[in-house]
Amino acid sequence: MDKLYVLVREDLSSAQKAVQACHAVAEFALRYGDMISVIEWSDKHKTIVIVETDMDGIYKSFTQLSGTCSILQGFHDPDMGDALTAFACLPDKNGKKLLSKFKLILEERP
């Protein structure tokens, strides 16, 4: 588990995407910071990959990834009606394959 992945909603502004990603990582660290896999990621890797999907995709992906991430932490923003706006996860090989299909935030695609 060399990378922490964060999936955010693509309908948010660039600033909101960054903030929601930070919220998800903060929740992840606060809840699971004492787990061996998180400590190992923090000590050895520190790489964060932020990707985006649409509103339906974030819920679908959260469900799909629940079986492929050793840790999966969502962030529901109270200022957005408690909607799921982002989540952070440490995926296994299958989870990485699924997450690799998403666009990196701020990446231009034709």
Protein backbone atom coordinates (compact mmCIF):
# COMPACT_ATOMS: atom_id res chain seq x y z
CA MET A 1 0.00 0.00 0.00
CA ASP A 2 2.26 2.71 -1.24
CA LYS A 3 -0.35 5.32 -2.16
CA LEU A 4 -3.30 6.86 -0.41
CA TYR A 5 -6.08 7.51 -2.90
CA VAL A 6 -8.70 10.21 -2.50
CA LEU A 7 -11.77 10.32 -4.71
CA VAL A 8 -13.66 13.64 -4.89
CA ARG A 9 -16.76 14.78 -6.74
CA GLU A 10 -16.02 16.38 -10.10
CA ASP A 11 -18.95 18.82 -9.86
CA LEU A 12 -17.13 20.81 -7.17
CA SER A 13 -14.91 23.80 -7.91
CA SER A 14 -11.14 23.25 -7.87
CA ALA A 15 -10.93 24.89 -4.44
CA GLN A 16 -13.76 22.73 -3.08
CA LYS A 17 -12.11 19.58 -4.45
CA ALA A 18 -8.91 20.44 -2.60
CA VAL A 19 -10.77 21.20 0.63
CA GLN A 20 -12.93 18.07 0.46
CA ALA A 21 -9.85 15.92 -0.25
CA CYS A 22 -8.15 17.43 2.81
CA HIS A 23 -11.24 16.71 4.92
CA ALA A 24 -11.22 13.07 3.79
CA VAL A 25 -7.51 12.67 4.57
CA ALA A 26 -7.97 14.35 7.98
CA GLU A 27 -10.84 12.00 8.87
CA PHE A 28 -8.77 9.07 7.64
CA ALA A 29 -5.77 10.07 9.79
CA LEU A 30 -7.84 10.86 12.88
CA ARG A 31 -9.75 7.58 12.80
CA TYR A 32 -7.01 5.22 11.66
CA GLY A 33 -3.72 6.95 12.44
CA ASP A 34 -2.69 4.27 14.92
CA MET A 35 -3.13 1.36 12.49
CA ILE A 36 0.01 -0.33 11.19
CA SER A 37 -0.88 0.16 7.51
CA VAL A 38 -1.45 3.90 8.00
CA ILE A 39 1.74 4.30 10.01
CA GLU A 40 3.67 2.41 7.32
CA TRP A 41 2.16 4.59 4.57
CA SER A 42 2.95 7.74 6.56
CA ASP A 43 6.50 6.70 7.43
CA LYS A 44 7.57 5.23 4.10
CA HIS A 45 5.46 6.56 1.25
CA LYS A 46 3.37 9.69 1.87
CA THR A 47 2.07 9.71 -1.72
CA ILE A 48 -1.51 10.93 -2.15
CA VAL A 49 -3.33 10.52 -5.46
CA ILE A 50 -6.49 12.61 -5.89
CA VAL A 51 -8.94 11.55 -8.58
CA GLU A 52 -12.47 12.61 -9.41
CA THR A 53 -15.82 11.24 -10.49
CA ASP A 54 -19.41 12.39 -10.74
CA MET A 55 -21.86 12.37 -7.83
CA ASP A 56 -23.32 8.96 -8.68
CA GLY A 57 -19.85 7.57 -9.26
CA ILE A 58 -18.59 8.54 -5.82
CA TYR A 59 -21.32 6.52 -4.10
CA LYS A 60 -20.91 3.57 -6.47
CA SER A 61 -17.12 3.61 -6.09
CA PHE A 62 -17.34 3.84 -2.29
CA THR A 63 -19.43 0.66 -2.29
CA GLN A 64 -17.21 -1.13 -4.83
CA LEU A 65 -14.00 -0.23 -3.02
CA SER A 66 -15.23 -1.29 0.40
CA GLY A 67 -13.97 -4.79 -0.35
CA THR A 68 -10.64 -3.74 -1.86
CA CYS A 69 -9.35 -1.16 0.61
CA SER A 70 -7.77 -2.05 3.92
CA ILE A 71 -9.11 1.28 5.16
CA LEU A 72 -11.85 3.34 3.55
CA GLN A 73 -12.96 6.63 5.09
CA GLY A 74 -15.62 8.86 3.62
CA PHE A 75 -16.27 12.51 4.31
CA HIS A 76 -19.86 13.77 4.38
CA ASP A 77 -19.91 17.55 4.32
CA PRO A 78 -22.45 19.08 6.70
CA ASP A 79 -22.47 22.27 4.59
CA MET A 80 -23.56 20.22 1.58
CA GLY A 81 -26.47 18.39 3.18
CA ASP A 82 -24.20 15.67 4.60
CA ALA A 83 -23.53 14.43 1.07
CA LEU A 84 -20.51 12.23 0.46
CA THR A 85 -18.06 14.62 -1.16
CA ALA A 86 -14.80 12.65 -0.90
CA PHE A 87 -13.24 9.52 0.51
CA ALA A 88 -9.73 8.28 1.24
CA CYS A 89 -8.53 4.70 0.97
CA LEU A 90 -5.53 2.43 0.99
CA PRO A 91 -6.44 0.06 -1.86
CA ASP A 92 -5.19 -3.39 -2.74
CA LYS A 93 -4.21 -4.30 -6.32
CA ASN A 94 -7.85 -4.60 -7.45
CA GLY A 95 -8.74 -1.27 -5.86
CA LYS A 96 -5.81 0.43 -7.58
CA LYS A 97 -7.00 -0.96 -10.90
CA LEU A 98 -10.46 0.50 -10.34
CA LEU A 99 -9.09 3.87 -9.16
CA SER A 100 -6.70 4.12 -12.12
CA LYS A 101 -9.70 4.60 -14.41
CA PHE A 102 -10.55 7.95 -12.84
CA LYS A 103 -9.20 11.28 -13.97
CA LEU A 104 -6.67 13.06 -11.77
CA ILE A 105 -8.04 16.34 -10.46
CA LEU A 106 -7.11 19.30 -12.59
CA GLU A 107 -6.07 16.96 -15.42
CA GLU A 108 -7.25 18.04 -18.86
CA ARG A 109 -8.68 15.29 -21.01
CA PRO A 110 -9.75 15.60 -24.64
